Amino acid sequence: DDGDDGDDGDDGDDGDETALLGTYLRSEDDDKDVGDGVAGQVPATNPKPLMAKPKNIRKPGDLPLLYPGPPFWMNDPNYLNKVTQQLRVPHHLMDLLVGNYTQQRDMDNRHAHLLHVYAKHKATLVSQGTAEGPKWALVEHVKMFRKAGWDLSFAAAANADHPPCTFTTAYHLMRDCGGLKMVDPMKYKPPKKSIPRHCDHCNRYCFNECECGEAFCDRDCQAAAWKDHRHICETVKDNNELAFTITKMFWGDRVVK
């Protein structure tokens, strides 16, 4: 089931942080079906062409940390409760300080999940349709969107006579019918392991991400993009210092070197 992607691992022992963290780390088996990717073959992805991979780039001293995935602690109430106690921050204040950050990251992660759900039908995309994918009835798109935590049902109901359409059309129908609507968090099961995104520098598929959430293959791509990326990255960090601290605690020494 696409909606359970990455959710079949052992949750681990809550008392063993190493075991718990291990459920969020990808293995070679997880990555074996992910290559460089071809820009444009995945629906609604960045159309930029692949760039040459930078190598041995000088790393600025202020280059942010690079993590092997997103801040999964946002979906782990037990971990967040533990951190709240460690930092001695009242629960209501914690919610206030990290609430906007977690809401934005949740939306970003669901969007990445949505693209991944459609990308898993890559063979169908290539053989039956254009780069945007085949044309399906809205009821089929509703199922796909729901797997990634998005509610397209209201748009489908408002456009009951709409002909079969591509992913892009279905996405715009949702936006045109009152904006993006997310499935209730209690009814959405996000992936436990990171899903592929396009590196912000070379546009290859990758799983790593900068402290701010931008995707990068490795430290070389992160460093090569730092001149252009620095301002927005530092702005996000300045506005979400506590969330950045929790993410650093979550990943510990598992940062990408």
C-alpha atoms as a PDB file:
ATOM      1  CA  ASP A   1       0.000   0.000   0.000  1.00  0.00           C
ATOM      2  CA  ASP A   2       1.549   3.348  -1.011  1.00  0.00           C
ATOM      3  CA  GLY A   3       0.075   5.043   2.035  1.00  0.00           C
ATOM      4  CA  ASP A   4       2.006   2.756   4.360  1.00  0.00           C
ATOM      5  CA  ASP A   5       5.307   3.364   2.606  1.00  0.00           C
ATOM      6  CA  GLY A   6       8.054   3.173   5.186  1.00  0.00           C
ATOM      7  CA  ASP A   7       5.711   2.275   8.027  1.00  0.00           C
ATOM      8  CA  ASP A   8       6.410  -1.439   8.263  1.00  0.00           C
ATOM      9  CA  GLY A   9       9.452  -1.215  10.501  1.00  0.00           C
ATOM     10  CA  ASP A  10       9.695  -2.072  14.155  1.00  0.00           C
ATOM     11  CA  ASP A  11       8.874   0.916  16.311  1.00  0.00           C
ATOM     12  CA  GLY A  12      11.687  -0.052  18.654  1.00  0.00           C
ATOM     13  CA  ASP A  13      11.955   0.183  22.411  1.00  0.00           C
ATOM     14  CA  ASP A  14      10.929   3.584  23.700  1.00  0.00           C
ATOM     15  CA  GLY A  15      13.654   3.284  26.291  1.00  0.00           C
ATOM     16  CA  ASP A  16      16.357   2.711  23.694  1.00  0.00           C
ATOM     17  CA  GLU A  17      16.943   5.853  21.620  1.00  0.00           C
ATOM     18  CA  THR A  18      19.329   4.056  19.275  1.00  0.00           C
ATOM     19  CA  ALA A  19      16.724   1.416  18.450  1.00  0.00           C
ATOM     20  CA  LEU A  20      14.036   4.073  18.076  1.00  0.00           C
ATOM     21  CA  LEU A  21      16.154   6.207  15.756  1.00  0.00           C
ATOM     22  CA  GLY A  22      17.036   3.136  13.714  1.00  0.00           C
ATOM     23  CA  THR A  23      13.452   2.867  12.489  1.00  0.00           C
ATOM     24  CA  TYR A  24      13.898   6.191  10.676  1.00  0.00           C
ATOM     25  CA  LEU A  25      17.172   5.375   8.897  1.00  0.00           C
ATOM     26  CA  ARG A  26      17.126   4.025   5.375  1.00  0.00           C
ATOM     27  CA  SER A  27      18.991   0.837   4.474  1.00  0.00           C
ATOM     28  CA  GLU A  28      20.594  -0.246   1.196  1.00  0.00           C
ATOM     29  CA  ASP A  29      17.451  -2.258   0.453  1.00  0.00           C
ATOM     30  CA  ASP A  30      15.357   0.879   0.880  1.00  0.00           C
ATOM     31  CA  ASP A  31      17.499   2.784  -1.618  1.00  0.00           C
ATOM     32  CA  LYS A  32      18.139   0.127  -4.275  1.00  0.00           C
ATOM     33  CA  ASP A  33      15.287   1.272  -6.531  1.00  0.00           C
ATOM     34  CA  VAL A  34      16.242   4.960  -6.437  1.00  0.00           C
ATOM     35  CA  GLY A  35      18.661   6.170  -9.088  1.00  0.00           C
ATOM     36  CA  ASP A  36      19.544   9.620 -10.332  1.00  0.00           C
ATOM     37  CA  GLY A  37      16.028  10.100 -11.620  1.00  0.00           C
ATOM     38  CA  VAL A  38      15.067  11.964 -14.754  1.00  0.00           C
ATOM     39  CA  ALA A  39      13.674  15.435 -14.294  1.00  0.00           C
ATOM     40  CA  GLY A  40      10.141  15.694 -15.642  1.00  0.00           C
ATOM     41  CA  GLN A  41       9.194  11.997 -15.383  1.00  0.00           C
ATOM     42  CA  VAL A  42       7.786  12.431 -11.917  1.00  0.00           C
ATOM     43  CA  PRO A  43       4.561  14.470 -11.874  1.00  0.00           C
ATOM     44  CA  ALA A  44       4.858  18.128 -10.876  1.00  0.00           C
ATOM     45  CA  THR A  45       8.520  17.831  -9.914  1.00  0.00           C
ATOM     46  CA  ASN A  46      11.205  20.395 -10.572  1.00  0.00           C
ATOM     47  CA  PRO A  47      11.809  20.547 -14.359  1.00  0.00           C
ATOM     48  CA  LYS A  48      15.452  21.585 -13.972  1.00  0.00           C
ATOM     49  CA  PRO A  49      17.908  19.332 -15.849  1.00  0.00           C
ATOM     50  CA  LEU A  50      20.473  17.298 -13.937  1.00  0.00           C
ATOM     51  CA  MET A  51      23.647  19.241 -13.179  1.00  0.00           C
ATOM     52  CA  ALA A  52      27.160  17.884 -12.866  1.00  0.00           C
ATOM     53  CA  LYS A  53      27.879  16.641  -9.358  1.00  0.00           C
ATOM     54  CA  PRO A  54      30.267  18.980  -7.517  1.00  0.00           C
ATOM     55  CA  LYS A  55      33.205  17.262  -5.842  1.00  0.00           C
ATOM     56  CA  ASN A  56      35.593  18.296  -3.080  1.00  0.00           C
ATOM     57  CA  ILE A  57      33.892  21.657  -2.624  1.00  0.00           C
ATOM     58  CA  ARG A  58      35.328  23.826   0.147  1.00  0.00           C
ATOM     59  CA  LYS A  59      32.908  23.694   3.095  1.00  0.00           C
ATOM     60  CA  PRO A  60      32.235  27.104   4.686  1.00  0.00           C
ATOM     61  CA  GLY A  61      32.635  27.146   8.443  1.00  0.00           C
ATOM     62  CA  ASP A  62      29.021  28.226   8.890  1.00  0.00           C
ATOM     63  CA  LEU A  63      27.548  25.527   6.627  1.00  0.00           C
ATOM     64  CA  PRO A  64      24.487  24.093   8.435  1.00  0.00           C
ATOM     65  CA  LEU A  65      24.161  20.479   9.472  1.00  0.00           C
ATOM     66  CA  LEU A  66      22.857  17.992   6.915  1.00  0.00           C
ATOM     67  CA  TYR A  67      20.496  15.308   8.219  1.00  0.00           C
ATOM     68  CA  PRO A  68      19.605  11.908   6.688  1.00  0.00           C
ATOM     69  CA  GLY A  69      15.922  12.805   6.607  1.00  0.00           C
ATOM     70  CA  PRO A  70      13.214  15.172   7.852  1.00  0.00           C
ATOM     71  CA  PRO A  71      12.465  15.925  11.533  1.00  0.00           C
ATOM     72  CA  PHE A  72      10.460  12.775  12.284  1.00  0.00           C
ATOM     73  CA  TRP A  73      10.078  13.853  15.916  1.00  0.00           C
ATOM     74  CA  MET A  74       7.108  15.947  14.783  1.00  0.00           C
ATOM     75  CA  ASN A  75       5.110  12.727  14.322  1.00  0.00           C
ATOM     76  CA  ASP A  76       6.370  11.065  17.497  1.00  0.00           C
ATOM     77  CA  PRO A  77       4.445  12.423  20.524  1.00  0.00           C
ATOM     78  CA  ASN A  78       6.397  10.198  22.918  1.00  0.00           C
ATOM     79  CA  TYR A  79       9.705  11.665  21.792  1.00  0.00           C
ATOM     80  CA  LEU A  80       8.408  15.228  21.862  1.00  0.00           C
ATOM     81  CA  ASN A  81       7.028  14.698  25.365  1.00  0.00           C
ATOM     82  CA  LYS A  82      10.421  13.389  26.474  1.00  0.00           C
ATOM     83  CA  VAL A  83      12.222  16.399  24.998  1.00  0.00           C
ATOM     84  CA  THR A  84       9.711  18.766  26.580  1.00  0.00           C
ATOM     85  CA  GLN A  85      10.590  17.312  29.974  1.00  0.00           C
ATOM     86  CA  GLN A  86      14.333  17.419  29.270  1.00  0.00           C
ATOM     87  CA  LEU A  87      14.218  21.065  28.240  1.00  0.00           C
ATOM     88  CA  ARG A  88      11.805  21.870  31.075  1.00  0.00           C
ATOM     89  CA  VAL A  89       9.488  23.726  28.745  1.00  0.00           C
ATOM     90  CA  PRO A  90       5.763  23.776  29.640  1.00  0.00           C
ATOM     91  CA  HIS A  91       3.711  21.807  27.117  1.00  0.00           C
ATOM     92  CA  HIS A  92       1.537  24.794  26.172  1.00  0.00           C
ATOM     93  CA  LEU A  93       4.659  26.897  25.551  1.00  0.00           C
ATOM     94  CA  MET A  94       6.262  24.121  23.482  1.00  0.00           C
ATOM     95  CA  ASP A  95       3.154  23.987  21.294  1.00  0.00           C
ATOM     96  CA  LEU A  96       3.294  27.747  20.858  1.00  0.00           C
ATOM     97  CA  LEU A  97       7.013  27.831  19.999  1.00  0.00           C
ATOM     98  CA  VAL A  98       7.117  24.974  17.502  1.00  0.00           C
ATOM     99  CA  GLY A  99       3.502  24.958  16.280  1.00  0.00           C
ATOM    100  CA  ASN A 100       3.961  27.075  13.146  1.00  0.00           C
ATOM    101  CA  TYR A 101       7.129  25.177  12.232  1.00  0.00           C
ATOM    102  CA  THR A 102       5.557  21.733  12.574  1.00  0.00           C
ATOM    103  CA  GLN A 103       2.483  22.797  10.586  1.00  0.00           C
ATOM    104  CA  GLN A 104       4.602  24.089   7.722  1.00  0.00           C
ATOM    105  CA  ARG A 105       6.881  21.037   7.734  1.00  0.00           C
ATOM    106  CA  ASP A 106       3.877  18.720   7.873  1.00  0.00           C
ATOM    107  CA  MET A 107       2.502  20.393   4.749  1.00  0.00           C
ATOM    108  CA  ASP A 108       5.900  20.160   3.012  1.00  0.00           C
ATOM    109  CA  ASN A 109       6.273  16.490   3.930  1.00  0.00           C
ATOM    110  CA  ARG A 110       2.779  15.623   2.726  1.00  0.00           C
ATOM    111  CA  HIS A 111       3.490  17.331  -0.565  1.00  0.00           C
ATOM    112  CA  ALA A 112       6.691  15.289  -0.973  1.00  0.00           C
ATOM    113  CA  HIS A 113       4.738  12.154  -0.023  1.00  0.00           C
ATOM    114  CA  LEU A 114       2.097  12.975  -2.642  1.00  0.00           C
ATOM    115  CA  LEU A 115       4.717  13.251  -5.395  1.00  0.00           C
ATOM    116  CA  HIS A 116       6.241   9.980  -4.216  1.00  0.00           C
ATOM    117  CA  VAL A 117       2.900   8.171  -4.299  1.00  0.00           C
ATOM    118  CA  TYR A 118       2.448   9.199  -7.927  1.00  0.00           C
ATOM    119  CA  ALA A 119       6.087   8.543  -8.790  1.00  0.00           C
ATOM    120  CA  LYS A 120       5.659   4.917  -7.728  1.00  0.00           C
ATOM    121  CA  HIS A 121       3.510   4.582 -10.848  1.00  0.00           C
ATOM    122  CA  LYS A 122       6.440   5.632 -13.006  1.00  0.00           C
ATOM    123  CA  ALA A 123       6.037   2.738 -15.487  1.00  0.00           C
ATOM    124  CA  THR A 124       2.418   3.741 -15.978  1.00  0.00           C
ATOM    125  CA  LEU A 125       3.400   7.372 -16.413  1.00  0.00           C
ATOM    126  CA  VAL A 126       5.890   6.576 -19.161  1.00  0.00           C
ATOM    127  CA  SER A 127       3.764   4.078 -21.053  1.00  0.00           C
ATOM    128  CA  GLN A 128       0.303   5.643 -20.867  1.00  0.00           C
ATOM    129  CA  GLY A 129       0.729   9.357 -20.661  1.00  0.00           C
ATOM    130  CA  THR A 130       2.957  12.362 -20.766  1.00  0.00           C
ATOM    131  CA  ALA A 131       5.470  13.472 -18.156  1.00  0.00           C
ATOM    132  CA  GLU A 132       2.500  14.668 -16.110  1.00  0.00           C
ATOM    133  CA  GLY A 133       1.121  11.161 -15.979  1.00  0.00           C
ATOM    134  CA  PRO A 134      -1.954   9.392 -17.337  1.00  0.00           C
ATOM    135  CA  LYS A 135      -5.486  10.741 -17.123  1.00  0.00           C
ATOM    136  CA  TRP A 136      -7.561   9.140 -14.355  1.00  0.00           C
ATOM    137  CA  ALA A 137     -11.059   9.690 -13.060  1.00  0.00           C
ATOM    138  CA  LEU A 138     -11.148  12.068 -10.099  1.00  0.00           C
ATOM    139  CA  VAL A 139     -12.249   9.229  -7.807  1.00  0.00           C
ATOM    140  CA  GLU A 140      -8.898   7.529  -8.479  1.00  0.00           C
ATOM    141  CA  HIS A 141      -7.000  10.721  -7.752  1.00  0.00           C
ATOM    142  CA  VAL A 142      -8.950  11.011  -4.473  1.00  0.00           C
ATOM    143  CA  LYS A 143      -7.512   7.656  -3.373  1.00  0.00           C
ATOM    144  CA  MET A 144      -3.970   8.654  -4.326  1.00  0.00           C
ATOM    145  CA  PHE A 145      -4.188  12.014  -2.578  1.00  0.00           C
ATOM    146  CA  ARG A 146      -5.596  10.440   0.593  1.00  0.00           C
ATOM    147  CA  LYS A 147      -2.621   8.080   0.845  1.00  0.00           C
ATOM    148  CA  ALA A 148      -0.399  11.142   1.139  1.00  0.00           C
ATOM    149  CA  GLY A 149      -2.625  12.940   3.648  1.00  0.00           C
ATOM    150  CA  TRP A 150      -4.548  15.242   1.296  1.00  0.00           C
ATOM    151  CA  ASP A 151      -8.320  15.488   0.932  1.00  0.00           C
ATOM    152  CA  LEU A 152      -9.403  15.826  -2.676  1.00  0.00           C
ATOM    153  CA  SER A 153     -12.940  14.537  -2.085  1.00  0.00           C
ATOM    154  CA  PHE A 154     -14.557  17.981  -1.832  1.00  0.00           C
ATOM    155  CA  ALA A 155     -13.032  18.989  -5.174  1.00  0.00           C
ATOM    156  CA  ALA A 156     -14.213  15.732  -6.738  1.00  0.00           C
ATOM    157  CA  ALA A 157     -17.744  16.324  -5.429  1.00  0.00           C
ATOM    158  CA  ALA A 158     -17.759  19.862  -6.815  1.00  0.00           C
ATOM    159  CA  ASN A 159     -16.577  18.587 -10.200  1.00  0.00           C
ATOM    160  CA  ALA A 160     -18.553  15.349 -10.455  1.00  0.00           C
ATOM    161  CA  ASP A 161     -18.792  15.533 -14.239  1.00  0.00           C
ATOM    162  CA  HIS A 162     -15.129  16.374 -14.774  1.00  0.00           C
ATOM    163  CA  PRO A 163     -13.469  14.141 -17.391  1.00  0.00           C
ATOM    164  CA  PRO A 164     -10.433  12.007 -16.518  1.00  0.00           C
ATOM    165  CA  CYS A 165      -7.463  14.243 -15.849  1.00  0.00           C
ATOM    166  CA  THR A 166      -3.766  14.288 -14.980  1.00  0.00           C
ATOM    167  CA  PHE A 167      -2.262  14.757 -11.523  1.00  0.00           C
ATOM    168  CA  THR A 168      -1.559  18.429 -12.263  1.00  0.00           C
ATOM    169  CA  THR A 169      -5.188  19.119 -13.137  1.00  0.00           C
ATOM    170  CA  ALA A 170      -6.442  17.288 -10.033  1.00  0.00           C
ATOM    171  CA  TYR A 171      -4.017  19.292  -7.868  1.00  0.00           C
ATOM    172  CA  HIS A 172      -5.233  22.599  -9.309  1.00  0.00           C
ATOM    173  CA  LEU A 173      -8.856  21.561  -8.814  1.00  0.00           C
ATOM    174  CA  MET A 174      -8.112  21.106  -5.123  1.00  0.00           C
ATOM    175  CA  ARG A 175      -6.481  24.530  -4.906  1.00  0.00           C
ATOM    176  CA  ASP A 176      -9.345  26.169  -6.808  1.00  0.00           C
ATOM    177  CA  CYS A 177     -11.967  24.648  -4.482  1.00  0.00           C
ATOM    178  CA  GLY A 178     -10.977  26.525  -1.338  1.00  0.00           C
ATOM    179  CA  GLY A 179      -7.270  25.788  -1.103  1.00  0.00           C
ATOM    180  CA  LEU A 180      -5.220  22.801  -0.001  1.00  0.00           C
ATOM    181  CA  LYS A 181      -7.014  20.591   2.505  1.00  0.00           C
ATOM    182  CA  MET A 182      -5.165  18.053   4.625  1.00  0.00           C
ATOM    183  CA  VAL A 183      -6.575  14.832   6.037  1.00  0.00           C
ATOM    184  CA  ASP A 184      -6.956  14.914   9.816  1.00  0.00           C
ATOM    185  CA  PRO A 185      -3.590  14.002  11.420  1.00  0.00           C
ATOM    186  CA  MET A 186      -5.292  11.176  13.331  1.00  0.00           C
ATOM    187  CA  LYS A 187      -6.298   9.598   9.998  1.00  0.00           C
ATOM    188  CA  TYR A 188      -2.969  10.060   8.214  1.00  0.00           C
ATOM    189  CA  LYS A 189      -0.016   7.761   8.733  1.00  0.00           C
ATOM    190  CA  PRO A 190       3.115   9.514   7.425  1.00  0.00           C
ATOM    191  CA  PRO A 191       6.142   7.509   6.254  1.00  0.00           C
ATOM    192  CA  LYS A 192       8.653   6.711   8.985  1.00  0.00           C
ATOM    193  CA  LYS A 193      11.543   6.781   6.544  1.00  0.00           C
ATOM    194  CA  SER A 194      12.490   9.656   4.282  1.00  0.00           C
ATOM    195  CA  ILE A 195      11.217   9.605   0.724  1.00  0.00           C
ATOM    196  CA  PRO A 196      13.159  10.815  -2.317  1.00  0.00           C
ATOM    197  CA  ARG A 197      13.145  14.457  -3.266  1.00  0.00           C
ATOM    198  CA  HIS A 198      15.109  16.447  -5.815  1.00  0.00           C
ATOM    199  CA  CYS A 199      18.416  17.912  -4.632  1.00  0.00           C
ATOM    200  CA  ASP A 200      18.141  21.696  -4.689  1.00  0.00           C
ATOM    201  CA  HIS A 201      21.520  21.957  -6.438  1.00  0.00           C
ATOM    202  CA  CYS A 202      21.971  19.089  -8.911  1.00  0.00           C
ATOM    203  CA  ASN A 203      18.313  17.925  -9.110  1.00  0.00           C
ATOM    204  CA  ARG A 204      19.120  14.236  -8.500  1.00  0.00           C
ATOM    205  CA  TYR A 205      16.968  12.179  -6.180  1.00  0.00           C
ATOM    206  CA  CYS A 206      18.185  12.300  -2.599  1.00  0.00           C
ATOM    207  CA  PHE A 207      17.017  11.792   0.982  1.00  0.00           C
ATOM    208  CA  ASN A 208      19.230  14.169   2.953  1.00  0.00           C
ATOM    209  CA  GLU A 209      18.076  17.611   3.980  1.00  0.00           C
ATOM    210  CA  CYS A 210      19.564  20.777   5.394  1.00  0.00           C
ATOM    211  CA  GLU A 211      18.567  22.018   8.844  1.00  0.00           C
ATOM    212  CA  CYS A 212      16.041  24.323   7.179  1.00  0.00           C
ATOM    213  CA  GLY A 213      14.429  21.438   5.271  1.00  0.00           C
ATOM    214  CA  GLU A 214      15.888  21.970   1.788  1.00  0.00           C
ATOM    215  CA  ALA A 215      16.983  18.751   0.058  1.00  0.00           C
ATOM    216  CA  PHE A 216      20.642  18.143  -0.830  1.00  0.00           C
ATOM    217  CA  CYS A 217      22.448  15.015  -2.031  1.00  0.00           C
ATOM    218  CA  ASP A 218      25.472  15.560   0.157  1.00  0.00           C
ATOM    219  CA  ARG A 219      27.706  18.174   1.735  1.00  0.00           C
ATOM    220  CA  ASP A 220      29.261  19.063  -1.629  1.00  0.00           C
ATOM    221  CA  CYS A 221      25.900  20.015  -3.156  1.00  0.00           C
ATOM    222  CA  GLN A 222      24.948  21.815   0.034  1.00  0.00           C
ATOM    223  CA  ALA A 223      28.186  23.804  -0.022  1.00  0.00           C
ATOM    224  CA  ALA A 224      27.922  24.568  -3.748  1.00  0.00           C
ATOM    225  CA  ALA A 225      24.456  26.050  -3.186  1.00  0.00           C
ATOM    226  CA  TRP A 226      25.288  27.876   0.057  1.00  0.00           C
ATOM    227  CA  LYS A 227      25.815  31.327  -1.495  1.00  0.00           C
ATOM    228  CA  ASP A 228      22.259  31.387  -2.870  1.00  0.00           C
ATOM    229  CA  HIS A 229      20.686  29.279  -0.128  1.00  0.00           C
ATOM    230  CA  ARG A 230      22.179  31.027   2.886  1.00  0.00           C
ATOM    231  CA  HIS A 231      19.688  33.876   3.363  1.00  0.00           C
ATOM    232  CA  ILE A 232      16.507  31.800   3.409  1.00  0.00           C
ATOM    233  CA  CYS A 233      18.184  29.092   5.486  1.00  0.00           C
ATOM    234  CA  GLU A 234      19.323  31.522   8.178  1.00  0.00           C
ATOM    235  CA  THR A 235      15.922  33.230   8.177  1.00  0.00           C
ATOM    236  CA  VAL A 236      14.134  29.919   8.790  1.00  0.00           C
ATOM    237  CA  LYS A 237      16.588  29.084  11.576  1.00  0.00           C
ATOM    238  CA  ASP A 238      16.220  32.471  13.279  1.00  0.00           C
ATOM    239  CA  ASN A 239      12.439  32.014  13.365  1.00  0.00           C
ATOM    240  CA  ASN A 240      12.519  28.403  14.614  1.00  0.00           C
ATOM    241  CA  GLU A 241      15.468  28.052  16.966  1.00  0.00           C
ATOM    242  CA  LEU A 242      13.751  25.645  19.369  1.00  0.00           C
ATOM    243  CA  ALA A 243      12.590  23.362  16.552  1.00  0.00           C
ATOM    244  CA  PHE A 244      16.130  23.321  15.145  1.00  0.00           C
ATOM    245  CA  THR A 245      17.457  22.383  18.595  1.00  0.00           C
ATOM    246  CA  ILE A 246      15.015  19.489  18.895  1.00  0.00           C
ATOM    247  CA  THR A 247      15.918  18.229  15.422  1.00  0.00           C
ATOM    248  CA  LYS A 248      19.601  18.316  16.345  1.00  0.00           C
ATOM    249  CA  MET A 249      18.854  16.349  19.514  1.00  0.00           C
ATOM    250  CA  PHE A 250      16.773  13.857  17.525  1.00  0.00           C
ATOM    251  CA  TRP A 251      19.452  12.996  14.969  1.00  0.00           C
ATOM    252  CA  GLY A 252      22.382  13.268  17.378  1.00  0.00           C
ATOM    253  CA  ASP A 253      25.611  12.123  15.725  1.00  0.00           C
ATOM    254  CA  ARG A 254      23.767  10.643  12.731  1.00  0.00           C
ATOM    255  CA  VAL A 255      24.427  13.769  10.680  1.00  0.00           C
ATOM    256  CA  VAL A 256      25.700  13.470   7.108  1.00  0.00           C
ATOM    257  CA  LYS A 257      29.450  14.028   6.984  1.00  0.00           C
END
